[in-house]
Amino acid sequence: MRQKARSILVIVFCQVSAMTLWFSASSASATLAKAGQISAQQAGLLTGSVQLGFVAGTLVSAWFCLADRFDPRRLFAGCAITGALLNADLLVTGFNGTTTIALRFLTGAALAGVYPVGMKLAASWAERAMGTLIGLLVGALTLGSAMPHLFSEIAGLGWHTTIVASSICAALSGLAILFAQLGPAHRPSPSFMPGEAWRELGRRSILLANAGYVGHMWELYAMWAWIGTFLGWATEQAKPTTTPSVGLLTFAVIASGAFGSVTAGFLADRLGRTTITITAMTVSGLCAATIGLMPSVGMVALVTVAIVWGISIVADSAQFSAAIAELSPPGLVGSLLTIQTSIGFLLSFFSIQTMPFMIDLLTWRYAFATLAIGPFFGTVAMWRLRREPDAKLIAGGRL
C-alpha cells in the first residue's frame, strides 16, 4: 500500500511538472502579445503549433505502440527531458520567428510521450478505483493549467523566468518518474504489430467512448482558451460596482475544474461512468448555451454560471480515459489512450480557431453556445454506450 501511494504521488507530481512545458510557454506568449512584443497571430501560431505537434507525436506513438512496447517510465523520462531542452532553446530564439514555431511543434510532439503515458502509469495502479485515480491526475493537470493565470496576475514574472522554471520542472519530472513503480495491472504488448491499436478502434464500445471524448474536447479547450477574453467583455457589460480582477476570476473558473474532476472520479466509480459523463455534459452544455446572456442578469449570475461551467466541463474528462483503459486489451492500454488524446486535441485545435469567427458572427452573447454542440454529441454517444455488451467492463458494470 505504501509503495502504491508513493508511486501515485510521483506520477502525479511528474505529470503536472512536465506539462508546464505546454502551459507556461503558452502563458509567456500571451503575456508578450498583450505587451505588443509579438503579434496576436504569432501568439496563436505558437499555441496551435504545440497542439499540432502533440497530435503528430501521438499518431507516431500509437502506430508503433511505443507506450505499450517499452517501459513507460523510460519513455516518459526521455520525452520530458527532450521537451525541457527544446523549451529551454526559447531563451536563445525568443518568441518571434519561424524557429520558435518549430520548437513549439517539437515540444508538443515530445509531450505525446508524457500525458497519455502518465495516464497509463496511473491506470496500472487503479484496480477498482480507475475513475478516482485518473480523476486525481486530470484534476492536478487542470490546476496546473490554471496556475499561469494566477502567476501573471500576482507575480508579473518575465517570460525568461517562466521558461526557465518550466524547463527545470520538466527535467526534474523526467528524473523523478524513474522512481515510480509499475502497478500490478501493467501489461506490456506481447508482440509488435504496427497499427494494431488503430484496428482496435473498430470495436463499437471503444468507438463510442472516443465519440464521447470528442464531444467533450470540442468544448473544453476552446472554453479555456477564450474564457478570459469573454470575462473581460462580460464584466464591462455587467457594470459591477467594483470591478473584479479578470485574471483572478479566470484562474478561479479554470481551477474549479480540479474539484469537478476529483469529485466526478469518486462518484463514477460508485454510480457509473456513463451516468456521470452524461450529467456533466448536460450541465456544461447548458452553461455554454446560456453564459453569454448572464452579463445582462448581473455579476452574481455571471460568476455562478462561469464557476459551474468550470467544474462541469472537466468533470467528465478523466472518465473517458478511464473507460478506454477498462475497455482496452491489457497490452494496448497505453496506445489506445494515446489515440484518444490525439483525436481529442486535433479537434480542439479546430474549435479554438473557429471561435474568433463565431464571435464576429454571433457576438459574445451567443458565440459560446456553439460549443454546446460537443456535449450534446457526447451525451448521445454515452447513452448508446450504455446499451453495449462491453458496458459491463466499465466501472465494474455500473452504468
Protein backbone atom coordinates (compact mmCIF):
# COMPACT_ATOMS: atom_id res chain seq x y z
CA MET A 1 0.00 0.00 0.00
CA ARG A 2 2.85 2.36 0.83
CA GLN A 3 4.52 1.57 -2.50
CA LYS A 4 1.25 2.30 -4.32
CA ALA A 5 0.76 5.67 -2.59
CA ARG A 6 4.36 6.68 -3.21
CA SER A 7 4.20 5.72 -6.89
CA ILE A 8 0.91 7.57 -7.43
CA LEU A 9 2.30 10.72 -5.80
CA VAL A 10 5.39 10.52 -8.01
CA ILE A 11 3.28 10.04 -11.15
CA VAL A 12 1.01 13.00 -10.33
CA PHE A 13 3.98 15.24 -9.50
CA CYS A 14 5.83 14.29 -12.67
CA GLN A 15 2.78 14.65 -14.91
CA VAL A 16 1.99 18.15 -13.69
CA SER A 17 5.65 19.24 -13.71
CA ALA A 18 6.27 18.01 -17.26
CA MET A 19 3.08 19.55 -18.64
CA THR A 20 4.24 23.01 -17.52
CA LEU A 21 6.11 22.97 -20.85
CA TRP A 22 2.73 23.39 -22.53
CA PHE A 23 1.01 25.78 -20.15
CA SER A 24 3.87 28.09 -19.12
CA ALA A 25 5.16 28.77 -22.64
CA SER A 26 1.62 29.49 -23.82
CA SER A 27 1.22 31.89 -20.89
CA ALA A 28 4.51 33.59 -21.77
CA SER A 29 3.46 34.12 -25.41
CA ALA A 30 0.11 35.55 -24.26
CA THR A 31 1.91 37.98 -21.96
CA LEU A 32 4.21 39.10 -24.79
CA ALA A 33 1.21 39.57 -27.09
CA LYS A 34 -0.50 41.81 -24.52
CA ALA A 35 2.70 43.86 -24.25
CA GLY A 36 2.82 44.24 -28.04
CA GLN A 37 6.16 42.44 -28.35
CA ILE A 38 4.67 39.78 -30.63
CA SER A 39 1.50 39.85 -32.69
CA ALA A 40 -1.69 38.11 -31.63
CA GLN A 41 -1.37 35.99 -34.77
CA GLN A 42 2.12 34.87 -33.73
CA ALA A 43 0.85 34.00 -30.24
CA GLY A 44 -1.93 31.97 -31.79
CA LEU A 45 0.53 30.11 -34.03
CA LEU A 46 2.74 29.30 -31.04
CA THR A 47 -0.19 27.84 -29.11
CA GLY A 48 -1.54 25.98 -32.13
CA SER A 49 1.85 24.54 -33.07
CA VAL A 50 2.12 22.82 -29.67
CA GLN A 51 -1.24 21.15 -30.21
CA LEU A 52 -0.39 20.04 -33.75
CA GLY A 53 2.99 18.74 -32.56
CA PHE A 54 1.23 16.80 -29.82
CA VAL A 55 -1.17 15.28 -32.35
CA ALA A 56 1.72 14.31 -34.67
CA GLY A 57 3.62 12.76 -31.76
CA THR A 58 0.64 10.77 -30.56
CA LEU A 59 -0.03 9.44 -34.06
CA VAL A 60 3.53 8.13 -34.33
CA SER A 61 3.47 6.74 -30.79
CA ALA A 62 0.16 4.96 -31.34
CA TRP A 63 1.20 3.46 -34.69
CA PHE A 64 4.33 1.93 -33.20
CA CYS A 65 2.64 1.14 -29.84
CA LEU A 66 5.51 2.89 -28.02
CA ALA A 67 3.62 3.28 -24.72
CA ASP A 68 2.99 -0.49 -24.59
CA ARG A 69 6.19 -1.90 -26.10
CA PHE A 70 8.67 -0.06 -23.87
CA ASP A 71 8.95 0.69 -20.18
CA PRO A 72 6.57 3.69 -19.87
CA ARG A 73 8.76 5.28 -17.20
CA ARG A 74 11.74 5.47 -19.56
CA LEU A 75 9.58 6.72 -22.42
CA PHE A 76 8.16 9.40 -20.11
CA ALA A 77 11.64 10.35 -18.87
CA GLY A 78 13.14 10.61 -22.36
CA CYS A 79 10.27 12.71 -23.69
CA ALA A 80 10.13 15.02 -20.64
CA ILE A 81 13.87 15.75 -20.76
CA THR A 82 13.78 16.24 -24.54
CA GLY A 83 10.87 18.64 -24.13
CA ALA A 84 12.75 20.54 -21.41
CA LEU A 85 15.74 21.04 -23.73
CA LEU A 86 13.56 22.17 -26.62
CA ASN A 87 11.72 24.58 -24.32
CA ALA A 88 15.00 25.99 -22.99
CA ASP A 89 16.03 26.80 -26.57
CA LEU A 90 13.40 29.56 -26.48
CA LEU A 91 15.81 31.52 -24.30
CA VAL A 92 18.05 31.76 -27.37
CA THR A 93 15.49 32.12 -30.16
CA GLY A 94 12.92 34.27 -28.36
CA PHE A 95 9.27 34.11 -29.37
CA ASN A 96 9.20 35.98 -32.67
CA GLY A 97 10.32 33.76 -35.54
CA THR A 98 9.72 30.60 -37.54
CA THR A 99 12.33 28.71 -35.49
CA THR A 100 10.21 29.30 -32.40
CA ILE A 101 7.16 27.75 -34.07
CA ALA A 102 9.25 24.68 -34.99
CA LEU A 103 10.50 24.38 -31.40
CA ARG A 104 6.97 24.57 -30.03
CA PHE A 105 5.83 21.91 -32.52
CA LEU A 106 8.64 19.58 -31.43
CA THR A 107 7.89 20.28 -27.77
CA GLY A 108 4.29 19.27 -28.38
CA ALA A 109 5.50 16.07 -30.06
CA ALA A 110 7.66 15.29 -27.01
CA LEU A 111 4.66 15.77 -24.71
CA ALA A 112 2.94 12.94 -26.58
CA GLY A 113 5.22 10.68 -24.54
CA VAL A 114 4.18 12.37 -21.30
CA TYR A 115 0.43 12.96 -20.98
CA PRO A 116 -1.05 9.63 -22.22
CA VAL A 117 1.90 7.68 -20.80
CA GLY A 118 1.30 9.22 -17.37
CA MET A 119 -2.33 8.08 -17.56
CA LYS A 120 -1.19 4.57 -18.46
CA LEU A 121 1.13 4.55 -15.42
CA ALA A 122 -1.70 5.73 -13.18
CA ALA A 123 -4.10 3.15 -14.66
CA SER A 124 -1.67 0.36 -13.77
CA TRP A 125 -2.34 1.12 -10.08
CA ALA A 126 -6.06 1.79 -10.36
CA GLU A 127 -7.56 -1.61 -9.51
CA ARG A 128 -11.21 -0.78 -8.60
CA ALA A 129 -10.76 2.99 -8.43
CA MET A 130 -9.88 3.80 -12.06
CA GLY A 131 -12.11 6.87 -12.21
CA THR A 132 -10.87 8.30 -8.91
CA LEU A 133 -7.20 7.87 -9.75
CA ILE A 134 -7.33 9.25 -13.28
CA GLY A 135 -9.67 11.97 -12.00
CA LEU A 136 -6.99 12.95 -9.49
CA LEU A 137 -4.42 13.08 -12.28
CA VAL A 138 -6.60 15.21 -14.57
CA GLY A 139 -7.58 17.41 -11.62
CA ALA A 140 -3.93 18.11 -10.87
CA LEU A 141 -3.33 18.94 -14.54
CA THR A 142 -6.34 21.25 -14.54
CA LEU A 143 -4.96 23.12 -11.56
CA GLY A 144 -1.58 23.29 -13.30
CA SER A 145 -3.16 24.74 -16.45
CA ALA A 146 -4.84 27.45 -14.37
CA MET A 147 -1.70 28.47 -12.48
CA PRO A 148 -0.19 30.70 -15.24
CA HIS A 149 -3.25 32.97 -14.95
CA LEU A 150 -2.59 33.33 -11.23
CA PHE A 151 1.16 33.85 -11.64
CA SER A 152 0.74 36.52 -14.32
CA GLU A 153 -1.82 38.29 -12.14
CA ILE A 154 0.09 38.42 -8.85
CA ALA A 155 3.73 37.94 -9.74
CA GLY A 156 4.30 39.65 -13.06
CA LEU A 157 7.20 37.34 -13.86
CA GLY A 158 9.15 37.92 -17.06
CA TRP A 159 8.90 35.33 -19.79
CA HIS A 160 12.56 34.27 -19.28
CA THR A 161 11.76 33.24 -15.70
CA THR A 162 8.67 31.35 -16.84
CA ILE A 163 10.62 29.39 -19.47
CA VAL A 164 13.50 28.57 -17.12
CA ALA A 165 11.12 27.39 -14.40
CA SER A 166 9.09 25.18 -16.75
CA SER A 167 12.23 23.63 -18.27
CA ILE A 168 13.62 22.80 -14.82
CA CYS A 169 10.29 21.31 -13.72
CA ALA A 170 10.10 19.11 -16.81
CA ALA A 171 13.71 17.93 -16.47
CA LEU A 172 13.14 17.05 -12.82
CA SER A 173 9.98 15.13 -13.73
CA GLY A 174 11.98 13.10 -16.25
CA LEU A 175 14.36 12.02 -13.50
CA ALA A 176 11.75 11.56 -10.76
CA ILE A 177 9.46 9.31 -12.85
CA LEU A 178 12.15 6.61 -12.79
CA PHE A 179 11.45 6.21 -9.05
CA ALA A 180 7.80 5.25 -9.67
CA GLN A 181 6.92 1.57 -9.69
CA LEU A 182 4.75 -0.14 -12.29
CA GLY A 183 1.39 -1.20 -10.90
CA PRO A 184 0.05 -4.76 -10.90
CA ALA A 185 -2.28 -4.03 -13.86
CA HIS A 186 0.63 -3.10 -16.15
CA ARG A 187 0.90 -5.40 -19.15
CA PRO A 188 3.42 -4.87 -21.96
CA SER A 189 2.37 -5.58 -25.53
CA PRO A 190 3.17 -9.25 -26.22
CA SER A 191 4.10 -8.59 -29.84
CA PHE A 192 4.62 -5.67 -32.18
CA MET A 193 2.12 -5.23 -34.97
CA PRO A 194 2.22 -1.70 -36.44
CA GLY A 195 -1.20 -0.09 -36.33
CA GLU A 196 -2.67 -2.80 -34.07
CA ALA A 197 -4.13 -0.20 -31.71
CA TRP A 198 -5.78 1.64 -34.61
CA ARG A 199 -7.53 -1.56 -35.70
CA GLU A 200 -8.94 -1.89 -32.20
CA LEU A 201 -10.79 1.39 -32.76
CA GLY A 202 -13.32 -0.53 -34.84
CA ARG A 203 -14.83 -2.03 -31.69
CA ARG A 204 -18.16 -0.29 -31.15
CA SER A 205 -17.68 0.28 -27.43
CA ILE A 206 -14.28 1.94 -27.91
CA LEU A 207 -15.63 3.97 -30.81
CA LEU A 208 -18.50 5.29 -28.67
CA ALA A 209 -16.22 6.08 -25.69
CA ASN A 210 -13.97 8.06 -28.03
CA ALA A 211 -17.02 9.79 -29.56
CA GLY A 212 -17.97 10.98 -26.08
CA TYR A 213 -14.43 12.27 -25.56
CA VAL A 214 -14.53 14.09 -28.90
CA GLY A 215 -17.69 15.93 -27.86
CA HIS A 216 -16.06 16.85 -24.56
CA MET A 217 -12.87 18.13 -26.23
CA TRP A 218 -14.78 20.28 -28.74
CA GLU A 219 -15.92 22.33 -25.76
CA LEU A 220 -13.09 22.15 -23.21
CA TYR A 221 -10.02 23.78 -24.72
CA ALA A 222 -11.97 26.41 -26.65
CA MET A 223 -13.57 27.42 -23.36
CA TRP A 224 -10.21 27.50 -21.58
CA ALA A 225 -8.62 29.49 -24.41
CA TRP A 226 -11.33 32.14 -24.61
CA ILE A 227 -12.94 32.37 -21.18
CA GLY A 228 -10.52 35.09 -20.01
CA THR A 229 -11.32 37.30 -23.02
CA PHE A 230 -15.04 36.66 -22.55
CA LEU A 231 -14.91 37.56 -18.85
CA GLY A 232 -13.18 40.83 -19.71
CA TRP A 233 -16.08 41.71 -22.01
CA ALA A 234 -18.72 40.33 -19.65
CA THR A 235 -17.60 42.30 -16.59
CA GLU A 236 -17.81 45.52 -18.58
CA GLN A 237 -21.32 44.63 -19.74
CA ALA A 238 -22.46 43.70 -16.22
CA LYS A 239 -21.29 47.08 -14.89
CA PRO A 240 -20.38 45.90 -11.35
CA THR A 241 -19.98 48.47 -8.59
CA THR A 242 -16.46 47.16 -8.00
CA THR A 243 -14.54 45.74 -10.96
CA PRO A 244 -13.21 42.24 -10.21
CA SER A 245 -9.80 41.08 -11.38
CA VAL A 246 -10.37 39.27 -14.68
CA GLY A 247 -7.14 37.30 -14.22
CA LEU A 248 -8.13 36.00 -10.79
CA LEU A 249 -11.65 35.24 -11.99
CA THR A 250 -10.25 33.30 -14.96
CA PHE A 251 -7.98 31.35 -12.61
CA ALA A 252 -10.94 30.52 -10.35
CA VAL A 253 -13.09 29.30 -13.26
CA ILE A 254 -10.42 27.01 -14.73
CA ALA A 255 -9.04 25.83 -11.38
CA SER A 256 -12.54 24.86 -10.19
CA GLY A 257 -12.33 22.04 -12.73
CA ALA A 258 -9.85 20.26 -10.43
CA PHE A 259 -12.62 19.87 -7.85
CA GLY A 260 -15.00 18.65 -10.55
CA SER A 261 -12.54 16.08 -11.88
CA VAL A 262 -11.71 14.51 -8.50
CA THR A 263 -15.33 14.52 -7.28
CA ALA A 264 -16.66 13.06 -10.53
CA GLY A 265 -14.00 10.34 -10.45
CA PHE A 266 -15.06 9.29 -6.96
CA LEU A 267 -18.74 9.24 -7.96
CA ALA A 268 -18.15 7.49 -11.29
CA ASP A 269 -16.52 4.51 -9.58
CA ARG A 270 -19.66 4.13 -7.48
CA LEU A 271 -22.51 5.30 -9.71
CA GLY A 272 -21.17 4.54 -13.19
CA ARG A 273 -19.10 6.37 -15.82
CA THR A 274 -21.86 6.93 -18.35
CA THR A 275 -24.13 8.38 -15.65
CA ILE A 276 -21.50 10.89 -14.54
CA THR A 277 -20.35 11.85 -18.05
CA ILE A 278 -23.92 12.36 -19.26
CA THR A 279 -24.72 14.50 -16.20
CA ALA A 280 -21.54 16.57 -16.53
CA MET A 281 -22.01 17.18 -20.27
CA THR A 282 -25.65 18.16 -19.80
CA VAL A 283 -24.68 20.77 -17.19
CA SER A 284 -21.68 22.09 -19.14
CA GLY A 285 -23.69 22.28 -22.37
CA LEU A 286 -26.40 24.33 -20.65
CA CYS A 287 -23.73 26.66 -19.25
CA ALA A 288 -22.16 27.10 -22.70
CA ALA A 289 -25.55 27.90 -24.21
CA THR A 290 -26.53 30.50 -21.59
CA ILE A 291 -23.38 32.15 -20.20
CA GLY A 292 -23.38 34.84 -22.89
CA LEU A 293 -26.75 36.06 -21.58
CA MET A 294 -25.59 36.33 -17.95
CA PRO A 295 -23.99 39.82 -18.06
CA SER A 296 -27.45 41.32 -18.52
CA VAL A 297 -28.65 39.43 -15.42
CA GLY A 298 -25.78 40.60 -13.19
CA MET A 299 -22.35 39.73 -11.82
CA VAL A 300 -23.60 37.14 -9.34
CA ALA A 301 -25.31 35.17 -12.11
CA LEU A 302 -22.30 35.54 -14.41
CA VAL A 303 -19.77 34.31 -11.84
CA THR A 304 -22.05 31.49 -10.69
CA VAL A 305 -22.58 30.11 -14.20
CA ALA A 306 -18.88 30.55 -15.02
CA ILE A 307 -17.79 28.56 -11.94
CA VAL A 308 -20.40 25.84 -12.54
CA TRP A 309 -19.16 25.62 -16.14
CA GLY A 310 -15.56 25.41 -14.95
CA ILE A 311 -16.44 22.50 -12.65
CA SER A 312 -18.68 20.56 -15.03
CA ILE A 313 -16.59 20.99 -18.19
CA VAL A 314 -13.71 18.98 -16.66
CA ALA A 315 -15.76 16.60 -14.53
CA ASP A 316 -16.21 14.10 -17.35
CA SER A 317 -12.70 14.34 -18.82
CA ALA A 318 -10.95 11.62 -16.82
CA GLN A 319 -13.89 9.26 -17.12
CA PHE A 320 -13.49 8.90 -20.88
CA SER A 321 -9.86 7.90 -20.33
CA ALA A 322 -10.86 5.53 -17.53
CA ALA A 323 -13.43 3.92 -19.83
CA ILE A 324 -10.84 3.40 -22.59
CA ALA A 325 -8.40 1.88 -20.07
CA GLU A 326 -11.11 -0.55 -18.92
CA LEU A 327 -12.27 -1.45 -22.44
CA SER A 328 -8.80 -1.90 -23.96
CA PRO A 329 -6.93 -5.20 -24.25
CA PRO A 330 -4.30 -5.18 -21.44
CA GLY A 331 -1.35 -4.88 -23.84
CA LEU A 332 -2.80 -1.89 -25.73
CA VAL A 333 -3.98 0.42 -22.93
CA GLY A 334 -1.22 2.98 -23.46
CA SER A 335 -1.61 3.08 -27.24
CA LEU A 336 -5.40 3.42 -27.16
CA LEU A 337 -5.17 6.21 -24.59
CA THR A 338 -2.63 7.87 -26.89
CA ILE A 339 -5.02 7.62 -29.86
CA GLN A 340 -7.83 9.07 -27.76
CA THR A 341 -5.81 12.13 -26.77
CA SER A 342 -4.60 12.53 -30.37
CA ILE A 343 -8.14 12.68 -31.77
CA GLY A 344 -9.35 14.97 -28.98
CA PHE A 345 -6.54 17.50 -29.23
CA LEU A 346 -6.77 17.63 -33.03
CA LEU A 347 -10.45 18.53 -32.76
CA SER A 348 -9.79 21.08 -30.01
CA PHE A 349 -7.32 22.85 -32.32
CA PHE A 350 -10.14 23.49 -34.79
CA SER A 351 -12.66 24.54 -32.15
CA ILE A 352 -10.20 27.09 -30.73
CA GLN A 353 -9.50 28.51 -34.18
CA THR A 354 -13.23 28.65 -35.01
CA MET A 355 -14.14 30.81 -32.02
CA PRO A 356 -12.98 34.19 -33.46
CA PHE A 357 -15.29 33.68 -36.46
CA MET A 358 -18.17 32.78 -34.14
CA ILE A 359 -17.53 35.88 -32.03
CA ASP A 360 -17.60 38.12 -35.12
CA LEU A 361 -20.70 36.41 -36.49
CA LEU A 362 -22.76 35.89 -33.33
CA THR A 363 -21.15 38.30 -30.80
CA TRP A 364 -20.10 37.17 -27.32
CA ARG A 365 -23.76 36.74 -26.32
CA TYR A 366 -24.11 33.62 -28.46
CA ALA A 367 -20.60 32.56 -29.55
CA PHE A 368 -20.05 30.11 -26.68
CA ALA A 369 -23.40 28.49 -27.45
CA THR A 370 -21.77 26.84 -30.49
CA LEU A 371 -19.59 24.83 -28.07
CA ALA A 372 -22.73 23.16 -26.67
CA ILE A 373 -22.78 21.05 -29.85
CA GLY A 374 -19.92 18.99 -28.38
CA PRO A 375 -21.60 17.96 -25.10
CA PHE A 376 -24.82 17.16 -26.97
CA PHE A 377 -22.93 14.84 -29.34
CA GLY A 378 -21.01 13.31 -26.44
CA THR A 379 -24.16 12.70 -24.41
CA VAL A 380 -25.76 10.78 -27.27
CA ALA A 381 -22.61 8.66 -27.63
CA MET A 382 -22.56 7.76 -23.93
CA TRP A 383 -26.27 6.87 -23.92
CA ARG A 384 -25.56 4.45 -26.75
CA LEU A 385 -22.53 3.04 -24.95
CA ARG A 386 -24.80 2.08 -22.03
CA ARG A 387 -26.56 -0.39 -24.33
CA GLU A 388 -23.38 -2.16 -25.46
CA PRO A 389 -22.46 -5.59 -24.03
CA ASP A 390 -18.96 -4.23 -23.29
CA ALA A 391 -20.50 -1.69 -20.89
CA LYS A 392 -20.17 -4.33 -18.17
CA LEU A 393 -16.39 -3.84 -18.34
CA ILE A 394 -16.68 -0.18 -17.30
CA ALA A 395 -16.65 0.72 -13.59
CA GLY A 396 -17.37 -2.86 -12.59
CA GLY A 397 -20.56 -2.96 -14.64
CA ARG A 398 -22.01 0.22 -13.12
CA LEU A 399 -23.64 2.28 -15.83
